[in-house]
Amino acid sequence: MRVQEQLETQLQAAFSPQWLELANESHMHSVPANSETHFRLVMASSAFEGKRAVARHQLVYKELAALLAGPIHALAMHLYDPREWQERTHEAPASPDCLGGSKADSGAKP
């Protein structure tokens, strides 16, 4: 199973989200073609009601611990309760451009 599919399956099971958008943004980074290492998550779930942003992120980190320790290098998260998501009219911030580079770009020796 692909990493993105594993993420979606785990998030659906754990949070029963009203909205789930998961984008593979690996192509925006200095990684090999077809990588699954950098993701952007937008999710609205009643599991986040009454919780601050840090607590919401901790819930997701706990659920995805194995994937975050392995194939996933970065996970940008935008987490909302259903009311907040409705107020945002289903819009989340865009990911910034990658400012990093590869070791080859920096002149570092392998």
Protein backbone atom coordinates (compact mmCIF):
# COMPACT_ATOMS: atom_id res chain seq x y z
CA MET A 1 0.00 0.00 0.00
CA ARG A 2 1.30 3.45 -0.87
CA VAL A 3 2.22 5.84 1.93
CA GLN A 4 -0.54 8.28 0.99
CA GLU A 5 -3.14 5.51 1.13
CA GLN A 6 -1.86 4.39 4.54
CA LEU A 7 -2.10 7.97 5.83
CA GLU A 8 -5.64 8.41 4.56
CA THR A 9 -6.78 5.05 5.96
CA GLN A 10 -5.33 5.77 9.43
CA LEU A 11 -6.71 9.31 9.54
CA GLN A 12 -10.21 8.18 8.47
CA ALA A 13 -10.26 5.43 11.09
CA ALA A 14 -8.93 7.57 13.93
CA PHE A 15 -10.71 10.88 13.35
CA SER A 16 -13.81 10.22 11.19
CA PRO A 17 -13.20 13.58 9.52
CA GLN A 18 -15.90 15.70 7.94
CA TRP A 19 -13.18 16.94 5.58
CA LEU A 20 -9.91 15.27 4.65
CA GLU A 21 -7.51 16.58 2.04
CA LEU A 22 -4.09 15.00 1.80
CA ALA A 23 -1.65 16.21 -0.84
CA ASN A 24 1.69 14.67 -1.67
CA GLU A 25 3.97 17.71 -2.01
CA SER A 26 7.18 15.72 -2.39
CA HIS A 27 7.62 17.01 -5.95
CA MET A 28 8.14 20.50 -4.45
CA HIS A 29 11.26 19.31 -2.60
CA SER A 30 14.69 17.99 -3.41
CA VAL A 31 13.76 14.30 -3.46
CA PRO A 32 13.70 11.60 -6.16
CA ALA A 33 10.76 11.50 -8.56
CA ASN A 34 7.64 9.71 -7.29
CA SER A 35 8.67 10.09 -3.64
CA GLU A 36 6.13 10.04 -0.82
CA THR A 37 7.99 11.97 1.85
CA HIS A 38 6.35 15.41 2.13
CA PHE A 39 2.60 15.80 2.70
CA ARG A 40 0.09 18.56 3.39
CA LEU A 41 -2.92 17.62 5.49
CA VAL A 42 -6.12 19.64 5.79
CA MET A 43 -8.61 17.97 8.10
CA ALA A 44 -11.79 18.95 9.91
CA SER A 45 -12.97 16.63 12.67
CA SER A 46 -15.16 16.86 15.74
CA ALA A 47 -12.24 15.19 17.56
CA PHE A 48 -10.59 18.65 17.53
CA GLU A 49 -13.46 20.52 19.21
CA GLY A 50 -12.32 22.41 22.30
CA LYS A 51 -8.65 21.63 21.65
CA ARG A 52 -5.87 24.09 20.92
CA ALA A 53 -3.67 23.72 17.86
CA VAL A 54 -0.83 22.01 19.77
CA ALA A 55 -3.18 19.37 21.21
CA ARG A 56 -4.65 18.71 17.76
CA HIS A 57 -1.20 18.22 16.29
CA GLN A 58 -0.25 15.90 19.15
CA LEU A 59 -3.30 13.72 18.43
CA VAL A 60 -2.28 13.36 14.81
CA TYR A 61 1.40 12.78 15.66
CA LYS A 62 0.39 10.01 18.07
CA GLU A 63 -1.82 8.33 15.49
CA LEU A 64 0.80 8.50 12.73
CA ALA A 65 3.90 7.84 14.84
CA ALA A 66 5.08 4.82 12.86
CA LEU A 67 4.80 6.57 9.50
CA LEU A 68 6.42 9.73 10.83
CA ALA A 69 9.34 7.68 12.15
CA GLY A 70 9.75 6.01 8.78
CA PRO A 71 8.87 7.10 5.29
CA ILE A 72 7.41 10.55 6.03
CA HIS A 73 9.91 13.39 6.31
CA ALA A 74 7.46 16.29 6.64
CA LEU A 75 3.76 16.70 7.35
CA ALA A 76 2.24 20.18 7.18
CA MET A 77 -1.03 20.14 9.13
CA HIS A 78 -4.04 22.45 9.06
CA LEU A 79 -6.51 21.02 11.58
CA TYR A 80 -9.98 22.40 12.29
CA ASP A 81 -13.15 21.51 14.09
CA PRO A 82 -16.22 21.44 11.79
CA ARG A 83 -17.39 24.94 12.78
CA GLU A 84 -13.97 26.48 12.15
CA TRP A 85 -13.74 24.74 8.79
CA GLN A 86 -17.16 26.04 7.79
CA GLU A 87 -16.16 29.57 8.84
CA ARG A 88 -13.03 29.32 6.69
CA THR A 89 -15.31 28.45 3.75
CA HIS A 90 -13.24 25.32 3.15
CA GLU A 91 -9.97 27.22 2.57
CA ALA A 92 -6.64 26.40 4.19
CA PRO A 93 -3.30 28.19 3.80
CA ALA A 94 -1.12 27.09 0.91
CA SER A 95 2.24 25.49 1.55
CA PRO A 96 5.26 27.76 1.13
CA ASP A 97 7.90 27.05 -1.47
CA CYS A 98 10.70 24.79 -0.32
CA LEU A 99 13.77 26.79 0.64
CA GLY A 100 15.94 23.77 1.30
CA GLY A 101 18.35 22.15 -1.07
CA SER A 102 20.29 19.00 -1.48
CA LYS A 103 23.78 18.34 -0.16
CA ALA A 104 25.03 18.71 -3.74
CA ASP A 105 23.62 22.26 -3.88
CA SER A 106 25.37 23.36 -0.68
CA GLY A 107 28.84 22.20 -1.64
CA ALA A 108 28.87 19.74 1.29
CA LYS A 109 30.83 16.56 0.82
CA PRO A 110 28.92 13.25 1.13
